[in-house]
Amino acid sequence: MESILAALYRGLLQPEDTIVPPHPEYRPLSRQIGALTEEWRNRLGEETFHELEEYFDLCDSLNRMHVEAAFIHGFRLGANIIIEVMSRRGESVPDATSGVPL
């Protein structure tokens, strides 16, 4: 198995292309959006619908920026948690009988 760092370096690790939310409503909502998109394409005509698609592309770009920032923030938070936990390895968690508050 290749290391995560090697896969990341080689551009093989692209989670945004493979993540499918496990929420049970995800796929039905995705199908509903596809059906509504086709309805709007038929109602508006190709030229007007193309303008609407450009608007949606801008919204998608903004959303991708937000998701990227949230990913970076979450990754840093997780790394900082690990650093804190590992830097306090010698400390033990007091038990209920020690009289020391958790």
Protein backbone atom coordinates (compact mmCIF):
# COMPACT_ATOMS: atom_id res chain seq x y z
CA MET A 1 0.00 0.00 0.00
CA GLU A 2 1.35 3.43 -0.97
CA SER A 3 1.80 6.00 1.77
CA ILE A 4 -0.69 8.82 2.04
CA LEU A 5 2.08 11.40 1.70
CA ALA A 6 3.39 9.80 -1.50
CA ALA A 7 -0.11 9.63 -2.97
CA LEU A 8 -0.71 13.27 -2.05
CA TYR A 9 2.59 14.33 -3.62
CA ARG A 10 1.81 12.47 -6.86
CA GLY A 11 -1.64 14.02 -7.10
CA LEU A 12 -3.36 10.69 -6.55
CA LEU A 13 -5.23 11.78 -3.44
CA GLN A 14 -8.23 13.85 -4.43
CA PRO A 15 -11.01 13.23 -1.90
CA GLU A 16 -13.30 15.86 -3.41
CA ASP A 17 -13.69 13.58 -6.44
CA THR A 18 -14.62 10.48 -4.45
CA ILE A 19 -16.60 11.67 -1.44
CA VAL A 20 -20.27 10.78 -1.52
CA PRO A 21 -22.17 11.84 1.59
CA PRO A 22 -23.62 8.80 3.39
CA HIS A 23 -26.80 10.67 4.32
CA PRO A 24 -29.80 8.64 3.13
CA GLU A 25 -31.39 11.69 1.48
CA TYR A 26 -28.32 12.56 -0.62
CA ARG A 27 -29.00 10.45 -3.71
CA PRO A 28 -32.77 11.15 -3.87
CA LEU A 29 -32.06 14.89 -3.61
CA SER A 30 -29.39 14.61 -6.30
CA ARG A 31 -31.87 12.92 -8.65
CA GLN A 32 -34.51 15.55 -7.83
CA ILE A 33 -32.05 18.34 -8.67
CA GLY A 34 -31.23 16.65 -11.99
CA ALA A 35 -34.90 16.37 -12.91
CA LEU A 36 -35.61 19.99 -11.97
CA THR A 37 -32.58 21.14 -13.93
CA GLU A 38 -33.96 19.49 -17.06
CA GLU A 39 -37.38 21.08 -16.45
CA TRP A 40 -35.79 24.53 -16.20
CA ARG A 41 -33.71 23.90 -19.33
CA ASN A 42 -36.89 23.11 -21.25
CA ARG A 43 -38.79 26.11 -19.83
CA LEU A 44 -36.08 28.71 -20.34
CA GLY A 45 -34.50 27.62 -23.59
CA GLU A 46 -30.81 27.02 -24.16
CA GLU A 47 -29.59 30.65 -24.21
CA THR A 48 -31.30 31.76 -21.00
CA PHE A 49 -30.51 28.47 -19.30
CA HIS A 50 -26.84 28.92 -20.21
CA GLU A 51 -26.88 32.28 -18.40
CA LEU A 52 -28.41 30.56 -15.36
CA GLU A 53 -25.70 27.88 -15.52
CA GLU A 54 -23.03 30.61 -15.43
CA TYR A 55 -24.64 31.95 -12.26
CA PHE A 56 -24.66 28.46 -10.72
CA ASP A 57 -21.00 28.02 -11.69
CA LEU A 58 -20.16 31.17 -9.72
CA CYS A 59 -22.12 29.83 -6.73
CA ASP A 60 -20.28 26.50 -7.01
CA SER A 61 -16.91 28.31 -7.06
CA LEU A 62 -17.83 30.18 -3.90
CA ASN A 63 -19.02 26.97 -2.24
CA ARG A 64 -15.79 25.13 -3.19
CA MET A 65 -13.76 27.92 -1.56
CA HIS A 66 -15.81 27.57 1.62
CA VAL A 67 -15.51 23.78 1.67
CA GLU A 68 -11.75 24.03 1.14
CA ALA A 69 -11.40 26.52 4.00
CA ALA A 70 -13.54 24.29 6.25
CA PHE A 71 -11.40 21.25 5.36
CA ILE A 72 -8.16 23.10 6.14
CA HIS A 73 -9.59 24.42 9.40
CA GLY A 74 -10.78 20.95 10.43
CA PHE A 75 -7.47 19.35 9.51
CA ARG A 76 -5.53 21.94 11.52
CA LEU A 77 -7.88 21.52 14.46
CA GLY A 78 -7.41 17.75 14.37
CA ALA A 79 -3.63 18.10 14.13
CA ASN A 80 -3.61 20.51 17.07
CA ILE A 81 -5.69 18.07 19.11
CA ILE A 82 -3.16 15.33 18.39
CA ILE A 83 -0.26 17.65 19.30
CA GLU A 84 -1.96 18.55 22.58
CA VAL A 85 -2.71 14.94 23.42
CA MET A 86 0.80 13.77 22.56
CA SER A 87 2.46 16.62 24.48
CA ARG A 88 0.63 15.54 27.62
CA ARG A 89 1.38 11.84 27.38
CA GLY A 90 2.77 11.76 30.91
CA GLU A 91 -0.40 13.15 32.38
CA SER A 92 -2.99 10.64 33.34
CA VAL A 93 -6.69 11.22 33.53
CA PRO A 94 -7.76 11.18 37.15
CA ASP A 95 -10.41 8.67 38.08
CA ALA A 96 -13.52 9.37 40.10
CA THR A 97 -11.92 8.10 43.34
CA SER A 98 -8.90 10.43 43.23
CA GLY A 99 -10.86 13.50 44.25
CA VAL A 100 -9.29 15.50 41.38
CA PRO A 101 -11.88 17.06 39.08
CA LEU A 102 -11.79 16.00 35.44
